[in-house]
Structure formats: C-alpha cells, structure tokens
C-alpha cells in the first residue's frame, strides 16, 4: 500500500498537476531485517535516497551511511542524511566531533549531498536541534560554518551554484 500511495502521489503531482519543482526523498530508517529498500517505490519515483536517524554521536551510524551512499551511487541518486541531530545538543563539541568529522573523515560517507538537522520547537524550549544565540555549542557550530567542507545555503548562492544559463 505504501508503494502504491507513493507512486500515485508522484504520478498525480507530476503527470496530472504538472508539478516539476519537487524532489522526492525516500528516507526510511534502515531495518536490519528488511534493509534500506524494503518499501522503495522505484528509481523512477525517487530523486534522493536518504536516511533519518537521531544520535548524539553518529560514529556508530557510519556503516549504515556507507550503505546508503553506495546504494545511491549504484542507482544514480543523490544521497542525504535527511534528518538527524541531538535533541538539546548536550555536548558543546557536538557539531565537529559528533556530526561533521565522522562524515567528512569517511571516504564514502563524505559524498552525501546534504545533512539536515531537525527543527527547533517554538512551543517547547527544551526541544531544539540547532543552536540559538547564547547556547554553549555556538562556538563549535561556528567552526563548521567556517569549515570549507561544509556549505550552507548562503554559500551556494555566493558560489553561484544556482546560476541559470542564459538562452
């Protein structure tokens, strides 16, 4: 039923409503018994092969992220760590030590297209995944902002990644 619904949604938006400005991101948890692709709707229905997992330290997730990147390469798909983070950011060096360094120091995992942490709640002050002004991890977060391996949206605009070709 999941695969049927996914395909229906893509076909409806793409073919019936002529919507062509969406990325379809398949982002399950990786089941040890069923694997990464147990509900995969097919290459024609997915743009980004991704993974969602929250962890205070992603070092133990590197084998799963390798699997994701290798499968994405095999299928010609972008790959992403689409949802992650550490609720409450308990470690001041989280951004470098527990998130970015394990990614950029692995020759396969560093090929991920993007990593996205979850949101900060406006209703629950203890439910946050990104630093806010005054949070103890801000200096460490600023280290990844300056790291040439990491690009933020503003960097993409400055590097003219989205520059349109003139006709």
Protein backbone atom coordinates (compact mmCIF):
# COMPACT_ATOMS: atom_id res chain seq x y z
CA UNK A 1 0.00 0.00 0.00
CA UNK A 2 2.87 2.39 0.81
CA UNK A 3 4.47 1.89 -2.61
CA UNK A 4 1.14 2.30 -4.39
CA UNK A 5 0.40 5.52 -2.49
CA UNK A 6 3.90 6.91 -3.16
CA UNK A 7 3.66 6.19 -6.88
CA UNK A 8 0.13 7.59 -7.08
CA UNK A 9 1.30 10.79 -5.36
CA UNK A 10 4.27 11.27 -7.72
CA UNK A 11 2.23 10.47 -10.83
CA UNK A 12 -0.64 12.73 -9.74
CA UNK A 13 1.58 15.71 -8.99
CA UNK A 14 3.93 15.20 -11.94
CA UNK A 15 1.56 13.99 -14.66
CA UNK A 16 -1.85 15.39 -13.70
CA UNK A 17 -0.91 18.66 -11.97
CA UNK A 18 2.30 19.31 -13.97
CA UNK A 19 4.34 19.89 -10.80
CA UNK A 20 8.02 19.57 -11.66
CA UNK A 21 9.74 21.54 -8.90
CA UNK A 22 9.80 18.88 -6.19
CA UNK A 23 12.44 16.43 -5.07
CA UNK A 24 11.04 13.12 -3.90
CA UNK A 25 13.12 11.96 -0.95
CA UNK A 26 12.90 8.33 0.15
CA UNK A 27 14.16 8.41 3.71
CA UNK A 28 13.46 5.37 5.87
CA UNK A 29 15.29 4.07 8.85
CA UNK A 30 17.49 1.16 7.83
CA UNK A 31 15.99 -2.04 9.15
CA UNK A 32 18.49 -4.80 9.94
CA UNK A 33 15.92 -7.41 8.89
CA UNK A 34 14.39 -5.65 5.90
CA UNK A 35 17.21 -3.40 4.70
CA UNK A 36 17.19 0.07 3.19
CA UNK A 37 14.91 -0.63 0.25
CA UNK A 38 12.10 -2.67 1.81
CA UNK A 39 9.43 -0.12 0.77
CA UNK A 40 11.34 1.53 -2.07
CA UNK A 41 8.87 2.76 -4.70
CA UNK A 42 11.38 2.52 -7.59
CA UNK A 43 14.05 4.63 -9.24
CA UNK A 44 11.52 6.46 -11.42
CA UNK A 45 9.75 7.73 -8.30
CA UNK A 46 12.67 8.85 -6.13
CA UNK A 47 15.18 11.67 -6.58
CA UNK A 48 17.07 11.46 -3.29
CA UNK A 49 17.89 8.32 -1.33
CA UNK A 50 18.18 9.38 2.29
CA UNK A 51 18.38 8.23 5.87
CA UNK A 52 16.80 9.52 9.07
CA UNK A 53 18.35 8.76 12.45
CA UNK A 54 18.87 10.84 15.55
CA UNK A 55 22.05 10.34 17.54
CA UNK A 56 24.22 12.27 19.96
CA UNK A 57 27.22 10.79 18.13
CA UNK A 58 26.86 9.41 14.60
CA UNK A 59 30.10 7.37 14.64
CA UNK A 60 28.14 4.14 15.06
CA UNK A 61 25.95 5.10 12.06
CA UNK A 62 28.84 5.29 9.58
CA UNK A 63 28.31 1.72 8.25
CA UNK A 64 24.64 2.50 7.54
CA UNK A 65 25.54 5.80 5.88
CA UNK A 66 28.12 3.98 3.71
CA UNK A 67 25.42 1.55 2.62
CA UNK A 68 23.17 4.49 1.75
CA UNK A 69 25.82 6.29 -0.33
CA UNK A 70 26.88 3.13 -2.19
CA UNK A 71 23.25 2.26 -2.98
CA UNK A 72 22.65 5.82 -4.17
CA UNK A 73 25.69 5.71 -6.43
CA UNK A 74 24.53 2.40 -7.88
CA UNK A 75 21.12 3.90 -8.66
CA UNK A 76 22.35 7.33 -9.80
CA UNK A 77 20.62 9.09 -6.89
CA UNK A 78 21.64 11.96 -4.67
CA UNK A 79 22.07 10.79 -1.08
CA UNK A 80 21.38 12.64 2.14
CA UNK A 81 21.35 12.35 5.89
CA UNK A 82 17.93 13.94 5.72
CA UNK A 83 17.00 14.10 9.38
CA UNK A 84 19.39 13.92 12.28
CA UNK A 85 20.50 15.78 15.31
CA UNK A 86 20.88 15.68 19.03
CA UNK A 87 17.87 16.98 20.94
CA UNK A 88 19.07 19.64 23.32
CA UNK A 89 22.64 19.47 21.92
CA UNK A 90 24.14 18.03 25.10
CA UNK A 91 27.79 18.25 24.05
CA UNK A 92 29.50 21.59 23.33
CA UNK A 93 31.64 19.96 20.60
CA UNK A 94 28.70 18.13 19.01
CA UNK A 95 28.94 19.87 15.63
CA UNK A 96 32.56 19.00 14.88
CA UNK A 97 33.26 15.88 16.94
CA UNK A 98 29.93 14.06 16.82
CA UNK A 99 28.46 15.11 13.46
CA UNK A 100 30.73 16.61 10.79
CA UNK A 101 34.08 14.91 11.50
CA UNK A 102 32.70 11.36 11.28
CA UNK A 103 31.11 12.30 7.94
CA UNK A 104 33.99 14.16 6.33
CA UNK A 105 36.62 11.68 7.53
CA UNK A 106 34.99 8.71 5.81
CA UNK A 107 35.84 8.46 2.08
CA UNK A 108 32.39 7.12 1.19
CA UNK A 109 30.12 8.95 3.62
CA UNK A 110 31.62 12.33 2.76
CA UNK A 111 29.89 12.03 -0.64
CA UNK A 112 26.49 12.75 0.96
CA UNK A 113 24.71 15.59 -0.83
CA UNK A 114 23.41 17.13 2.35
CA UNK A 115 22.88 16.72 6.08
CA UNK A 116 19.91 18.34 7.78
CA UNK A 117 19.25 18.60 11.50
CA UNK A 118 15.70 18.70 12.80
CA UNK A 119 13.97 21.90 13.82
CA UNK A 120 13.75 23.95 16.97
CA UNK A 121 10.32 23.99 18.59
CA UNK A 122 8.75 27.35 19.33
CA UNK A 123 6.39 25.69 21.84
CA UNK A 124 8.84 23.58 23.83
CA UNK A 125 12.06 25.38 24.83
CA UNK A 126 13.83 22.05 25.55
CA UNK A 127 13.12 20.62 22.09
CA UNK A 128 15.78 22.04 19.77
CA UNK A 129 18.35 20.65 17.33
CA UNK A 130 20.14 23.79 16.14
CA UNK A 131 21.99 26.22 18.38
CA UNK A 132 20.42 29.52 19.29
CA UNK A 133 22.25 32.70 20.39
CA UNK A 134 23.88 32.03 23.74
CA UNK A 135 23.78 28.23 23.53
CA UNK A 136 27.09 26.68 24.73
CA UNK A 137 27.62 24.89 21.37
CA UNK A 138 27.57 28.11 19.30
CA UNK A 139 31.40 28.46 19.13
CA UNK A 140 31.66 24.86 17.92
CA UNK A 141 28.85 25.39 15.40
CA UNK A 142 30.71 28.43 14.05
CA UNK A 143 33.70 26.15 13.38
CA UNK A 144 31.64 24.12 10.92
CA UNK A 145 30.27 27.31 9.38
CA UNK A 146 33.90 28.20 8.52
CA UNK A 147 34.90 24.66 7.51
CA UNK A 148 35.44 24.53 3.71
CA UNK A 149 33.89 21.04 3.65
CA UNK A 150 30.54 22.43 4.80
CA UNK A 151 28.31 24.60 2.63
CA UNK A 152 25.23 26.44 3.84
CA UNK A 153 22.56 27.93 1.59
CA UNK A 154 24.27 31.32 1.59
CA UNK A 155 27.47 29.66 0.37
CA UNK A 156 25.60 28.10 -2.53
CA UNK A 157 24.28 31.49 -3.59
CA UNK A 158 27.72 33.13 -3.30
CA UNK A 159 29.29 30.32 -5.33
CA UNK A 160 26.54 30.75 -7.91
CA UNK A 161 25.55 27.10 -7.77
CA UNK A 162 22.02 28.07 -8.78
CA UNK A 163 23.04 30.36 -11.61
CA UNK A 164 20.73 29.96 -14.60
CA UNK A 165 22.14 29.58 -18.05
CA UNK A 166 21.23 32.41 -20.37
CA UNK A 167 19.44 31.44 -23.54
